[in-house]
């Protein structure tokens, strides 16, 4: 399995945003659509801060 959990980071805190994400799609500048293998999706305004793919984790930092 190649899914990753996506976390939103703020003030050195990590909050789980969406589990088992299969698709990360750039919609426009700093706006991402995340889709899980379960069909759940979220749109978030953020920048990619870090990706730890061996750990199946993507960290986003909110903008605006």
PDB file of N, CA and C in Angstrom:
ATOM      1  N   UNK A   1       0.834  -1.173   0.000  1.00  0.00           N
ATOM      2  CA  UNK A   1       0.000   0.000   0.000  1.00  0.00           C
ATOM      3  C   UNK A   1       0.885   1.245   0.000  1.00  0.00           C
ATOM      4  N   UNK A   2       0.465   2.248  -0.723  1.00  0.00           N
ATOM      5  CA  UNK A   2       1.267   3.460  -0.888  1.00  0.00           C
ATOM      6  C   UNK A   2       0.575   4.706  -0.363  1.00  0.00           C
ATOM      7  N   UNK A   3      -0.465   4.542   0.394  1.00  0.00           N
ATOM      8  CA  UNK A   3      -1.179   5.706   0.908  1.00  0.00           C
ATOM      9  C   UNK A   3      -0.354   6.388   1.998  1.00  0.00           C
ATOM     10  N   UNK A   4      -0.700   7.639   2.242  1.00  0.00           N
ATOM     11  CA  UNK A   4      -0.026   8.394   3.297  1.00  0.00           C
ATOM     12  C   UNK A   4      -1.071   9.114   4.137  1.00  0.00           C
ATOM     13  N   UNK A   5      -0.745   9.349   5.376  1.00  0.00           N
ATOM     14  CA  UNK A   5      -1.574  10.192   6.228  1.00  0.00           C
ATOM     15  C   UNK A   5      -1.089  11.629   6.066  1.00  0.00           C
ATOM     16  N   UNK A   6      -2.028  12.560   5.999  1.00  0.00           N
ATOM     17  CA  UNK A   6      -1.678  13.969   5.825  1.00  0.00           C
ATOM     18  C   UNK A   6      -1.924  14.701   7.139  1.00  0.00           C
ATOM     19  N   UNK A   7      -0.921  15.465   7.551  1.00  0.00           N
ATOM     20  CA  UNK A   7      -0.974  16.204   8.803  1.00  0.00           C
ATOM     21  C   UNK A   7      -0.866  17.698   8.513  1.00  0.00           C
ATOM     22  N   UNK A   8      -1.581  18.496   9.275  1.00  0.00           N
ATOM     23  CA  UNK A   8      -1.479  19.942   9.223  1.00  0.00           C
ATOM     24  C   UNK A   8      -0.619  20.373  10.398  1.00  0.00           C
ATOM     25  N   UNK A   9       0.453  21.125  10.129  1.00  0.00           N
ATOM     26  CA  UNK A   9       1.360  21.545  11.192  1.00  0.00           C
ATOM     27  C   UNK A   9       1.190  23.028  11.478  1.00  0.00           C
ATOM     28  N   UNK A  10       1.188  23.353  12.752  1.00  0.00           N
ATOM     29  CA  UNK A  10       1.076  24.749  13.182  1.00  0.00           C
ATOM     30  C   UNK A  10       1.701  24.866  14.565  1.00  0.00           C
ATOM     31  N   UNK A  11       2.636  25.783  14.729  1.00  0.00           N
ATOM     32  CA  UNK A  11       3.316  25.980  16.015  1.00  0.00           C
ATOM     33  C   UNK A  11       3.911  24.679  16.548  1.00  0.00           C
ATOM     34  N   UNK A  12       4.571  23.938  15.689  1.00  0.00           N
ATOM     35  CA  UNK A  12       5.219  22.665  16.025  1.00  0.00           C
ATOM     36  C   UNK A  12       4.243  21.595  16.509  1.00  0.00           C
ATOM     37  N   UNK A  13       2.957  21.767  16.245  1.00  0.00           N
ATOM     38  CA  UNK A  13       1.942  20.764  16.559  1.00  0.00           C
ATOM     39  C   UNK A  13       1.511  20.099  15.250  1.00  0.00           C
ATOM     40  N   UNK A  14       1.262  18.807  15.296  1.00  0.00           N
ATOM     41  CA  UNK A  14       0.803  18.077  14.122  1.00  0.00           C
ATOM     42  C   UNK A  14      -0.619  17.578  14.370  1.00  0.00           C
ATOM     43  N   UNK A  15      -1.514  17.921  13.456  1.00  0.00           N
ATOM     44  CA  UNK A  15      -2.909  17.492  13.551  1.00  0.00           C
ATOM     45  C   UNK A  15      -3.227  16.634  12.336  1.00  0.00           C
ATOM     46  N   UNK A  16      -3.717  15.427  12.580  1.00  0.00           N
ATOM     47  CA  UNK A  16      -4.080  14.540  11.481  1.00  0.00           C
ATOM     48  C   UNK A  16      -5.233  15.154  10.699  1.00  0.00           C
ATOM     49  N   UNK A  17      -5.026  15.347   9.410  1.00  0.00           N
ATOM     50  CA  UNK A  17      -6.036  15.967   8.562  1.00  0.00           C
ATOM     51  C   UNK A  17      -6.847  14.915   7.818  1.00  0.00           C
ATOM     52  N   UNK A  18      -6.153  13.903   7.266  1.00  0.00           N
ATOM     53  CA  UNK A  18      -6.844  12.867   6.509  1.00  0.00           C
ATOM     54  C   UNK A  18      -5.966  11.625   6.444  1.00  0.00           C
ATOM     55  N   UNK A  19      -6.585  10.472   6.665  1.00  0.00           N
ATOM     56  CA  UNK A  19      -5.864   9.201   6.649  1.00  0.00           C
ATOM     57  C   UNK A  19      -5.960   8.535   5.281  1.00  0.00           C
ATOM     58  N   UNK A  20      -4.987   7.701   4.988  1.00  0.00           N
ATOM     59  CA  UNK A  20      -4.970   6.853   3.797  1.00  0.00           C
ATOM     60  C   UNK A  20      -5.205   7.650   2.516  1.00  0.00           C
ATOM     61  N   UNK A  21      -4.458   8.731   2.368  1.00  0.00           N
ATOM     62  CA  UNK A  21      -4.599   9.584   1.187  1.00  0.00           C
ATOM     63  C   UNK A  21      -3.912   8.926   0.000  1.00  0.00           C
ATOM     64  N   UNK A  22      -4.658   8.857  -1.083  1.00  0.00           N
ATOM     65  CA  UNK A  22      -4.175   8.233  -2.305  1.00  0.00           C
ATOM     66  C   UNK A  22      -3.879   9.270  -3.385  1.00  0.00           C
ATOM     67  N   UNK A  23      -4.510  10.454  -3.298  1.00  0.00           N
ATOM     68  CA  UNK A  23      -4.348  11.491  -4.317  1.00  0.00           C
ATOM     69  C   UNK A  23      -4.134  12.840  -3.653  1.00  0.00           C
ATOM     70  N   UNK A  24      -3.079  13.539  -4.063  1.00  0.00           N
ATOM     71  CA  UNK A  24      -2.812  14.909  -3.657  1.00  0.00           C
ATOM     72  C   UNK A  24      -2.734  15.695  -4.961  1.00  0.00           C
ATOM     73  N   UNK A  25      -3.709  16.582  -5.156  1.00  0.00           N
ATOM     74  CA  UNK A  25      -3.824  17.285  -6.433  1.00  0.00           C
ATOM     75  C   UNK A  25      -3.807  18.796  -6.207  1.00  0.00           C
ATOM     76  N   UNK A  26      -2.923  19.492  -6.917  1.00  0.00           N
ATOM     77  CA  UNK A  26      -2.858  20.951  -6.843  1.00  0.00           C
ATOM     78  C   UNK A  26      -3.987  21.532  -7.682  1.00  0.00           C
ATOM     79  N   UNK A  27      -4.867  22.304  -7.045  1.00  0.00           N
ATOM     80  CA  UNK A  27      -5.991  22.925  -7.741  1.00  0.00           C
ATOM     81  C   UNK A  27      -5.601  24.303  -8.259  1.00  0.00           C
ATOM     82  N   UNK A  28      -4.940  25.071  -7.423  1.00  0.00           N
ATOM     83  CA  UNK A  28      -4.396  26.387  -7.774  1.00  0.00           C
ATOM     84  C   UNK A  28      -3.312  26.677  -6.753  1.00  0.00           C
ATOM     85  N   UNK A  29      -2.696  27.840  -6.849  1.00  0.00           N
ATOM     86  CA  UNK A  29      -1.599  28.161  -5.937  1.00  0.00           C
ATOM     87  C   UNK A  29      -1.998  27.932  -4.482  1.00  0.00           C
ATOM     88  N   UNK A  30      -1.296  27.048  -3.822  1.00  0.00           N
ATOM     89  CA  UNK A  30      -1.489  26.747  -2.396  1.00  0.00           C
ATOM     90  C   UNK A  30      -2.860  26.166  -2.058  1.00  0.00           C
ATOM     91  N   UNK A  31      -3.560  25.607  -3.014  1.00  0.00           N
ATOM     92  CA  UNK A  31      -4.838  24.940  -2.728  1.00  0.00           C
ATOM     93  C   UNK A  31      -4.747  23.506  -3.236  1.00  0.00           C
ATOM     94  N   UNK A  32      -4.929  22.569  -2.312  1.00  0.00           N
ATOM     95  CA  UNK A  32      -4.754  21.147  -2.596  1.00  0.00           C
ATOM     96  C   UNK A  32      -6.045  20.380  -2.350  1.00  0.00           C
ATOM     97  N   UNK A  33      -6.304  19.403  -3.206  1.00  0.00           N
ATOM     98  CA  UNK A  33      -7.413  18.464  -2.990  1.00  0.00           C
ATOM     99  C   UNK A  33      -6.790  17.146  -2.567  1.00  0.00           C
ATOM    100  N   UNK A  34      -7.218  16.655  -1.425  1.00  0.00           N
ATOM    101  CA  UNK A  34      -6.746  15.383  -0.875  1.00  0.00           C
ATOM    102  C   UNK A  34      -7.890  14.383  -0.965  1.00  0.00           C
ATOM    103  N   UNK A  35      -7.598  13.190  -1.476  1.00  0.00           N
ATOM    104  CA  UNK A  35      -8.630  12.161  -1.599  1.00  0.00           C
ATOM    105  C   UNK A  35      -8.093  10.872  -0.982  1.00  0.00           C
ATOM    106  N   UNK A  36      -8.866  10.302  -0.064  1.00  0.00           N
ATOM    107  CA  UNK A  36      -8.456   9.057   0.591  1.00  0.00           C
ATOM    108  C   UNK A  36      -8.945   7.853  -0.215  1.00  0.00           C
ATOM    109  N   UNK A  37      -8.442   6.695   0.134  1.00  0.00           N
ATOM    110  CA  UNK A  37      -8.868   5.468  -0.537  1.00  0.00           C
ATOM    111  C   UNK A  37     -10.320   5.126  -0.217  1.00  0.00           C
ATOM    112  N   UNK A  38     -10.879   5.801   0.782  1.00  0.00           N
ATOM    113  CA  UNK A  38     -12.267   5.577   1.170  1.00  0.00           C
ATOM    114  C   UNK A  38     -13.219   6.545   0.468  1.00  0.00           C
ATOM    115  N   UNK A  39     -12.670   7.421  -0.394  1.00  0.00           N
ATOM    116  CA  UNK A  39     -13.488   8.373  -1.127  1.00  0.00           C
ATOM    117  C   UNK A  39     -13.698   9.690  -0.416  1.00  0.00           C
ATOM    118  N   UNK A  40     -13.212   9.806   0.803  1.00  0.00           N
ATOM    119  CA  UNK A  40     -13.333  11.067   1.531  1.00  0.00           C
ATOM    120  C   UNK A  40     -12.360  12.069   0.923  1.00  0.00           C
ATOM    121  N   UNK A  41     -12.800  13.309   0.764  1.00  0.00           N
ATOM    122  CA  UNK A  41     -11.892  14.313   0.225  1.00  0.00           C
ATOM    123  C   UNK A  41     -11.976  15.621   1.004  1.00  0.00           C
ATOM    124  N   UNK A  42     -10.863  16.338   0.977  1.00  0.00           N
ATOM    125  CA  UNK A  42     -10.776  17.637   1.634  1.00  0.00           C
ATOM    126  C   UNK A  42      -9.990  18.556   0.718  1.00  0.00           C
ATOM    127  N   UNK A  43     -10.370  19.823   0.746  1.00  0.00           N
ATOM    128  CA  UNK A  43      -9.617  20.853   0.036  1.00  0.00           C
ATOM    129  C   UNK A  43      -9.031  21.761   1.098  1.00  0.00           C
ATOM    130  N   UNK A  44      -7.731  22.004   0.985  1.00  0.00           N
ATOM    131  CA  UNK A  44      -7.027  22.763   2.017  1.00  0.00           C
ATOM    132  C   UNK A  44      -6.092  23.773   1.363  1.00  0.00           C
ATOM    133  N   UNK A  45      -6.007  24.950   1.974  1.00  0.00           N
ATOM    134  CA  UNK A  45      -5.053  25.973   1.529  1.00  0.00           C
ATOM    135  C   UNK A  45      -3.800  25.809   2.398  1.00  0.00           C
ATOM    136  N   UNK A  46      -2.740  25.341   1.781  1.00  0.00           N
ATOM    137  CA  UNK A  46      -1.517  25.048   2.530  1.00  0.00           C
ATOM    138  C   UNK A  46      -0.347  24.891   1.573  1.00  0.00           C
ATOM    139  N   UNK A  47       0.828  24.837   2.172  1.00  0.00           N
ATOM    140  CA  UNK A  47       2.051  24.525   1.443  1.00  0.00           C
ATOM    141  C   UNK A  47       2.585  23.209   1.975  1.00  0.00           C
ATOM    142  N   UNK A  48       3.203  22.457   1.107  1.00  0.00           N
ATOM    143  CA  UNK A  48       3.835  21.221   1.565  1.00  0.00           C
ATOM    144  C   UNK A  48       5.092  21.598   2.333  1.00  0.00           C
ATOM    145  N   UNK A  49       5.124  21.167   3.582  1.00  0.00           N
ATOM    146  CA  UNK A  49       6.262  21.468   4.450  1.00  0.00           C
ATOM    147  C   UNK A  49       7.308  20.353   4.364  1.00  0.00           C
ATOM    148  N   UNK A  50       6.811  19.103   4.394  1.00  0.00           N
ATOM    149  CA  UNK A  50       7.732  17.962   4.402  1.00  0.00           C
ATOM    150  C   UNK A  50       6.967  16.714   4.002  1.00  0.00           C
ATOM    151  N   UNK A  51       7.649  15.809   3.316  1.00  0.00           N
ATOM    152  CA  UNK A  51       7.064  14.508   2.988  1.00  0.00           C
ATOM    153  C   UNK A  51       8.028  13.433   3.469  1.00  0.00           C
ATOM    154  N   UNK A  52       7.522  12.526   4.278  1.00  0.00           N
ATOM    155  CA  UNK A  52       8.304  11.393   4.768  1.00  0.00           C
ATOM    156  C   UNK A  52       7.635  10.139   4.198  1.00  0.00           C
ATOM    157  N   UNK A  53       7.943   9.830   2.967  1.00  0.00           N
ATOM    158  CA  UNK A  53       7.211   8.780   2.264  1.00  0.00           C
ATOM    159  C   UNK A  53       7.486   7.385   2.827  1.00  0.00           C
ATOM    160  N   UNK A  54       8.667   7.151   3.350  1.00  0.00           N
ATOM    161  CA  UNK A  54       8.943   5.853   3.963  1.00  0.00           C
ATOM    162  C   UNK A  54       8.074   5.640   5.201  1.00  0.00           C
ATOM    163  N   UNK A  55       7.661   6.752   5.823  1.00  0.00           N
ATOM    164  CA  UNK A  55       6.781   6.702   6.994  1.00  0.00           C
ATOM    165  C   UNK A  55       5.318   6.899   6.603  1.00  0.00           C
ATOM    166  N   UNK A  56       5.060   7.115   5.310  1.00  0.00           N
ATOM    167  CA  UNK A  56       3.700   7.330   4.788  1.00  0.00           C
ATOM    168  C   UNK A  56       3.056   8.567   5.417  1.00  0.00           C
ATOM    169  N   UNK A  57       3.832   9.667   5.483  1.00  0.00           N
ATOM    170  CA  UNK A  57       3.336  10.907   6.089  1.00  0.00           C
ATOM    171  C   UNK A  57       3.631  12.097   5.179  1.00  0.00           C
ATOM    172  N   UNK A  58       2.650  12.989   5.071  1.00  0.00           N
ATOM    173  CA  UNK A  58       2.809  14.256   4.363  1.00  0.00           C
ATOM    174  C   UNK A  58       2.424  15.354   5.344  1.00  0.00           C
ATOM    175  N   UNK A  59       3.273  16.372   5.454  1.00  0.00           N
ATOM    176  CA  UNK A  59       3.032  17.464   6.387  1.00  0.00           C
ATOM    177  C   UNK A  59       2.758  18.743   5.608  1.00  0.00           C
ATOM    178  N   UNK A  60       1.645  19.373   5.889  1.00  0.00           N
ATOM    179  CA  UNK A  60       1.265  20.621   5.262  1.00  0.00           C
ATOM    180  C   UNK A  60       1.297  21.740   6.280  1.00  0.00           C
ATOM    181  N   UNK A  61       1.566  22.950   5.782  1.00  0.00           N
ATOM    182  CA  UNK A  61       1.563  24.144   6.628  1.00  0.00           C
ATOM    183  C   UNK A  61       0.515  25.102   6.100  1.00  0.00           C
ATOM    184  N   UNK A  62      -0.437  25.516   6.927  1.00  0.00           N
ATOM    185  CA  UNK A  62      -1.511  26.398   6.439  1.00  0.00           C
ATOM    186  C   UNK A  62      -0.977  27.739   5.938  1.00  0.00           C
ATOM    187  N   UNK A  63      -1.652  28.291   4.940  1.00  0.00           N
ATOM    188  CA  UNK A  63      -1.331  29.629   4.440  1.00  0.00           C
ATOM    189  C   UNK A  63      -2.586  30.488   4.513  1.00  0.00           C
ATOM    190  N   UNK A  64      -2.361  31.800   4.610  1.00  0.00           N
ATOM    191  CA  UNK A  64      -3.477  32.760   4.605  1.00  0.00           C
ATOM    192  C   UNK A  64      -4.381  32.542   5.711  1.00  0.00           C
TER     193      UNK A  64
END
